[in-house]
C-alpha cells in the first residue's frame, strides 16, 4: 500500500487544475486570457512544484512548472494592465 503525503496530493490537484483549465479552454468554457484560466494554471503549476520540491525532484519538470507559473502570472498582470488602460480611456 502506498502512502500519499500532502505534497503528493498537491501535485495531483495541480495536475487536475492544469488539465481541467486546458479542457475548459478547448470546450470554449474559458478564455485563454481570462483570469480564471490563468489562476487555474498558476495554482496548478504551484501544486506540481510543491510535489517536486518536497517529493521526488525532477529538474526538467521543475523548469517547466516554473515557466508555466511565470507565464500565468504574466497573463494576469497583462490582463490587469489592459483592463486599467481601458478604464482610463472611458469618458
N, C-alpha and C. Protein backbone atom coordinates (compact mmCIF):
# COMPACT_ATOMS: atom_id res chain seq x y z
N UNK A 1 0.84 -1.19 0.00
CA UNK A 1 0.00 0.00 0.00
C UNK A 1 0.89 1.24 0.00
N UNK A 2 0.55 2.18 -0.86
CA UNK A 2 1.32 3.41 -0.99
C UNK A 2 0.74 4.49 -0.09
N UNK A 3 1.62 5.15 0.65
CA UNK A 3 1.20 6.26 1.49
C UNK A 3 1.36 7.55 0.69
N UNK A 4 0.30 8.33 0.62
CA UNK A 4 0.34 9.62 -0.06
C UNK A 4 0.52 10.72 0.97
N UNK A 5 1.51 11.56 0.73
CA UNK A 5 1.78 12.68 1.61
C UNK A 5 1.10 13.93 1.06
N UNK A 6 1.12 15.01 1.86
CA UNK A 6 0.45 16.24 1.45
C UNK A 6 0.99 16.76 0.12
N UNK A 7 2.30 16.62 -0.10
CA UNK A 7 2.87 17.12 -1.34
C UNK A 7 2.46 16.27 -2.55
N UNK A 8 2.17 15.00 -2.31
CA UNK A 8 1.63 14.16 -3.39
C UNK A 8 0.25 14.68 -3.81
N UNK A 9 -0.57 14.96 -2.81
CA UNK A 9 -1.91 15.48 -3.10
C UNK A 9 -1.84 16.83 -3.79
N UNK A 10 -0.90 17.69 -3.35
CA UNK A 10 -0.73 18.99 -4.00
C UNK A 10 -0.41 18.80 -5.48
N UNK A 11 0.45 17.84 -5.78
CA UNK A 11 0.80 17.56 -7.16
C UNK A 11 -0.38 17.05 -7.97
N UNK A 12 -1.15 16.13 -7.40
CA UNK A 12 -2.32 15.61 -8.11
C UNK A 12 -3.36 16.69 -8.37
N UNK A 13 -3.61 17.51 -7.35
CA UNK A 13 -4.57 18.61 -7.53
C UNK A 13 -4.04 19.59 -8.57
N UNK A 14 -2.74 19.85 -8.55
CA UNK A 14 -2.14 20.74 -9.54
C UNK A 14 -2.31 20.21 -10.95
N UNK A 15 -2.06 18.94 -11.15
CA UNK A 15 -2.23 18.34 -12.47
C UNK A 15 -3.69 18.44 -12.92
N UNK A 16 -4.61 18.15 -12.02
CA UNK A 16 -6.03 18.23 -12.36
C UNK A 16 -6.40 19.66 -12.75
N UNK A 17 -5.89 20.66 -12.02
CA UNK A 17 -6.19 22.06 -12.34
C UNK A 17 -5.69 22.44 -13.73
N UNK A 18 -4.46 22.08 -14.04
CA UNK A 18 -3.89 22.43 -15.34
C UNK A 18 -4.65 21.73 -16.47
N UNK A 19 -4.92 20.45 -16.31
CA UNK A 19 -5.64 19.71 -17.34
C UNK A 19 -7.08 20.18 -17.48
N UNK A 20 -7.73 20.49 -16.36
CA UNK A 20 -9.10 20.99 -16.41
C UNK A 20 -9.15 22.35 -17.10
N UNK A 21 -8.17 23.21 -16.80
CA UNK A 21 -8.12 24.52 -17.45
C UNK A 21 -8.01 24.35 -18.96
N UNK A 22 -7.15 23.43 -19.41
CA UNK A 22 -6.97 23.20 -20.83
C UNK A 22 -8.23 22.61 -21.46
N UNK A 23 -8.86 21.67 -20.77
CA UNK A 23 -10.11 21.09 -21.27
C UNK A 23 -11.19 22.16 -21.42
N UNK A 24 -11.35 23.01 -20.40
CA UNK A 24 -12.36 24.05 -20.45
C UNK A 24 -12.05 25.09 -21.53
N UNK A 25 -10.77 25.33 -21.78
CA UNK A 25 -10.38 26.22 -22.87
C UNK A 25 -10.78 25.62 -24.21
N UNK A 26 -10.50 24.34 -24.41
CA UNK A 26 -10.83 23.67 -25.66
C UNK A 26 -12.34 23.55 -25.86
N UNK A 27 -13.08 23.46 -24.76
CA UNK A 27 -14.54 23.36 -24.83
C UNK A 27 -15.19 24.74 -24.92
N UNK A 28 -14.38 25.79 -25.01
CA UNK A 28 -14.86 27.18 -25.10
C UNK A 28 -15.67 27.60 -23.88
N UNK A 29 -15.32 27.04 -22.72
CA UNK A 29 -15.95 27.43 -21.47
C UNK A 29 -15.12 28.49 -20.75
N UNK A 30 -13.84 28.58 -21.09
CA UNK A 30 -12.95 29.60 -20.55
C UNK A 30 -12.23 30.27 -21.71
N UNK A 31 -11.78 31.49 -21.46
CA UNK A 31 -10.99 32.23 -22.45
C UNK A 31 -9.53 32.16 -22.04
N UNK A 32 -8.66 32.03 -23.01
CA UNK A 32 -7.23 31.91 -22.74
C UNK A 32 -6.62 33.10 -22.04
N UNK A 33 -7.23 34.26 -22.17
CA UNK A 33 -6.72 35.44 -21.47
C UNK A 33 -7.57 35.80 -20.25
N UNK A 34 -8.46 34.90 -19.87
CA UNK A 34 -9.32 35.15 -18.72
C UNK A 34 -8.62 34.87 -17.39
N UNK A 35 -9.07 35.54 -16.37
CA UNK A 35 -8.46 35.42 -15.03
C UNK A 35 -8.59 34.00 -14.48
N UNK A 36 -9.75 33.38 -14.63
CA UNK A 36 -9.96 32.04 -14.08
C UNK A 36 -8.99 31.05 -14.73
N UNK A 37 -8.85 31.12 -16.03
CA UNK A 37 -7.93 30.23 -16.75
C UNK A 37 -6.50 30.43 -16.25
N UNK A 38 -6.08 31.67 -16.13
CA UNK A 38 -4.72 31.97 -15.68
C UNK A 38 -4.50 31.48 -14.24
N UNK A 39 -5.46 31.72 -13.37
CA UNK A 39 -5.31 31.29 -11.97
C UNK A 39 -5.29 29.78 -11.84
N UNK A 40 -6.08 29.08 -12.65
CA UNK A 40 -6.05 27.62 -12.61
C UNK A 40 -4.67 27.11 -13.02
N UNK A 41 -4.08 27.74 -14.01
CA UNK A 41 -2.74 27.35 -14.44
C UNK A 41 -1.68 27.68 -13.40
N UNK A 42 -1.77 28.86 -12.79
CA UNK A 42 -0.79 29.25 -11.77
C UNK A 42 -0.86 28.31 -10.58
N UNK A 43 -2.06 28.10 -10.04
CA UNK A 43 -2.18 27.25 -8.86
C UNK A 43 -1.89 25.79 -9.19
N UNK A 44 -2.23 25.38 -10.39
CA UNK A 44 -1.88 24.03 -10.82
C UNK A 44 -0.37 23.84 -10.86
N UNK A 45 0.33 24.80 -11.46
CA UNK A 45 1.80 24.72 -11.53
C UNK A 45 2.41 24.75 -10.13
N UNK A 46 1.87 25.58 -9.25
CA UNK A 46 2.40 25.64 -7.89
C UNK A 46 2.20 24.32 -7.15
N UNK A 47 1.07 23.66 -7.38
CA UNK A 47 0.84 22.35 -6.77
C UNK A 47 1.86 21.33 -7.23
N UNK A 48 2.11 21.31 -8.54
CA UNK A 48 3.11 20.38 -9.07
C UNK A 48 4.50 20.74 -8.54
N UNK A 49 4.81 22.03 -8.45
CA UNK A 49 6.10 22.45 -7.90
C UNK A 49 6.28 21.97 -6.47
N UNK A 50 5.23 22.06 -5.67
CA UNK A 50 5.32 21.58 -4.30
C UNK A 50 5.63 20.09 -4.26
N UNK A 51 4.99 19.34 -5.14
CA UNK A 51 5.25 17.90 -5.15
C UNK A 51 6.68 17.59 -5.59
N UNK A 52 7.24 18.42 -6.45
CA UNK A 52 8.61 18.22 -6.91
C UNK A 52 9.63 18.62 -5.84
N UNK A 53 9.36 19.71 -5.16
CA UNK A 53 10.31 20.21 -4.15
C UNK A 53 10.32 19.32 -2.91
N UNK A 54 9.15 18.91 -2.45
CA UNK A 54 9.07 18.14 -1.21
C UNK A 54 8.99 16.63 -1.44
N UNK A 55 8.81 16.23 -2.68
CA UNK A 55 8.73 14.81 -3.01
C UNK A 55 9.92 14.40 -3.85
N UNK A 56 9.63 13.80 -4.96
CA UNK A 56 10.67 13.33 -5.87
C UNK A 56 11.00 14.43 -6.87
N UNK A 57 12.22 14.97 -6.79
CA UNK A 57 12.61 16.11 -7.62
C UNK A 57 12.97 15.67 -9.03
N UNK A 58 12.51 16.44 -10.01
CA UNK A 58 12.83 16.22 -11.41
C UNK A 58 13.07 17.60 -12.01
N UNK A 59 14.31 17.87 -12.42
CA UNK A 59 14.68 19.21 -12.87
C UNK A 59 13.89 19.66 -14.09
N UNK A 60 13.73 18.80 -15.06
CA UNK A 60 13.02 19.22 -16.27
C UNK A 60 11.56 19.57 -15.97
N UNK A 61 10.91 18.78 -15.15
CA UNK A 61 9.52 19.08 -14.76
C UNK A 61 9.47 20.36 -13.93
N UNK A 62 10.46 20.56 -13.06
CA UNK A 62 10.53 21.77 -12.24
C UNK A 62 10.63 23.01 -13.12
N UNK A 63 11.53 22.97 -14.11
CA UNK A 63 11.71 24.11 -15.02
C UNK A 63 10.42 24.39 -15.78
N UNK A 64 9.77 23.33 -16.25
CA UNK A 64 8.52 23.53 -16.98
C UNK A 64 7.45 24.17 -16.10
N UNK A 65 7.32 23.73 -14.87
CA UNK A 65 6.29 24.28 -13.98
C UNK A 65 6.59 25.71 -13.56
N UNK A 66 7.87 26.04 -13.37
CA UNK A 66 8.24 27.43 -13.08
C UNK A 66 7.85 28.31 -14.26
N UNK A 67 8.16 27.85 -15.48
CA UNK A 67 7.80 28.61 -16.67
C UNK A 67 6.28 28.72 -16.80
N UNK A 68 5.55 27.64 -16.52
CA UNK A 68 4.10 27.63 -16.60
C UNK A 68 3.49 28.66 -15.64
N UNK A 69 4.00 28.67 -14.42
CA UNK A 69 3.51 29.64 -13.43
C UNK A 69 3.87 31.06 -13.84
N UNK A 70 5.09 31.26 -14.33
CA UNK A 70 5.52 32.61 -14.74
C UNK A 70 4.68 33.13 -15.90
N UNK A 71 4.37 32.27 -16.85
CA UNK A 71 3.52 32.68 -17.97
C UNK A 71 2.12 33.03 -17.47
N UNK A 72 1.60 32.26 -16.54
CA UNK A 72 0.29 32.57 -15.97
C UNK A 72 0.29 33.89 -15.23
N UNK A 73 1.34 34.15 -14.46
CA UNK A 73 1.46 35.43 -13.74
C UNK A 73 1.55 36.57 -14.73
N UNK A 74 2.33 36.39 -15.80
CA UNK A 74 2.41 37.40 -16.85
C UNK A 74 1.01 37.67 -17.43
N UNK A 75 0.24 36.62 -17.68
CA UNK A 75 -1.09 36.77 -18.23
C UNK A 75 -2.01 37.56 -17.30
N UNK A 76 -1.93 37.30 -16.01
CA UNK A 76 -2.75 38.03 -15.04
C UNK A 76 -2.34 39.51 -15.02
N UNK A 77 -1.04 39.76 -14.95
CA UNK A 77 -0.55 41.15 -14.92
C UNK A 77 -0.91 41.90 -16.19
N UNK A 78 -0.78 41.24 -17.32
CA UNK A 78 -1.13 41.87 -18.59
C UNK A 78 -2.63 42.17 -18.63
N UNK A 79 -3.45 41.24 -18.17
CA UNK A 79 -4.88 41.46 -18.14
C UNK A 79 -5.26 42.63 -17.25
N UNK A 80 -4.59 42.76 -16.12
CA UNK A 80 -4.86 43.89 -15.23
C UNK A 80 -4.46 45.21 -15.88
N UNK A 81 -3.31 45.20 -16.57
CA UNK A 81 -2.85 46.42 -17.24
C UNK A 81 -3.80 46.82 -18.36
N UNK A 82 -4.22 45.87 -19.16
CA UNK A 82 -5.16 46.16 -20.26
C UNK A 82 -6.48 46.68 -19.70
N UNK A 83 -6.95 46.06 -18.64
CA UNK A 83 -8.20 46.49 -18.02
C UNK A 83 -8.09 47.92 -17.48
N UNK A 84 -6.96 48.21 -16.86
CA UNK A 84 -6.73 49.57 -16.32
C UNK A 84 -6.67 50.59 -17.46
N UNK A 85 -6.01 50.24 -18.56
CA UNK A 85 -5.93 51.15 -19.70
C UNK A 85 -7.30 51.39 -20.33
N UNK A 86 -8.11 50.35 -20.40
CA UNK A 86 -9.44 50.51 -20.97
C UNK A 86 -10.31 51.40 -20.09
N UNK A 87 -10.19 51.26 -18.78
CA UNK A 87 -10.96 52.10 -17.86
C UNK A 87 -10.52 53.56 -17.95
N UNK A 88 -9.23 53.79 -18.17
CA UNK A 88 -8.74 55.17 -18.23
C UNK A 88 -9.19 55.88 -19.52
N UNK A 89 -9.54 55.12 -20.56
CA UNK A 89 -10.00 55.70 -21.82
C UNK A 89 -11.48 56.05 -21.79
N UNK A 90 -12.20 55.54 -20.82
CA UNK A 90 -13.64 55.84 -20.74
C UNK A 90 -13.85 57.31 -20.37
N UNK A 91 -14.90 57.90 -20.92
CA UNK A 91 -15.16 59.32 -20.62
C UNK A 91 -15.59 59.56 -19.20
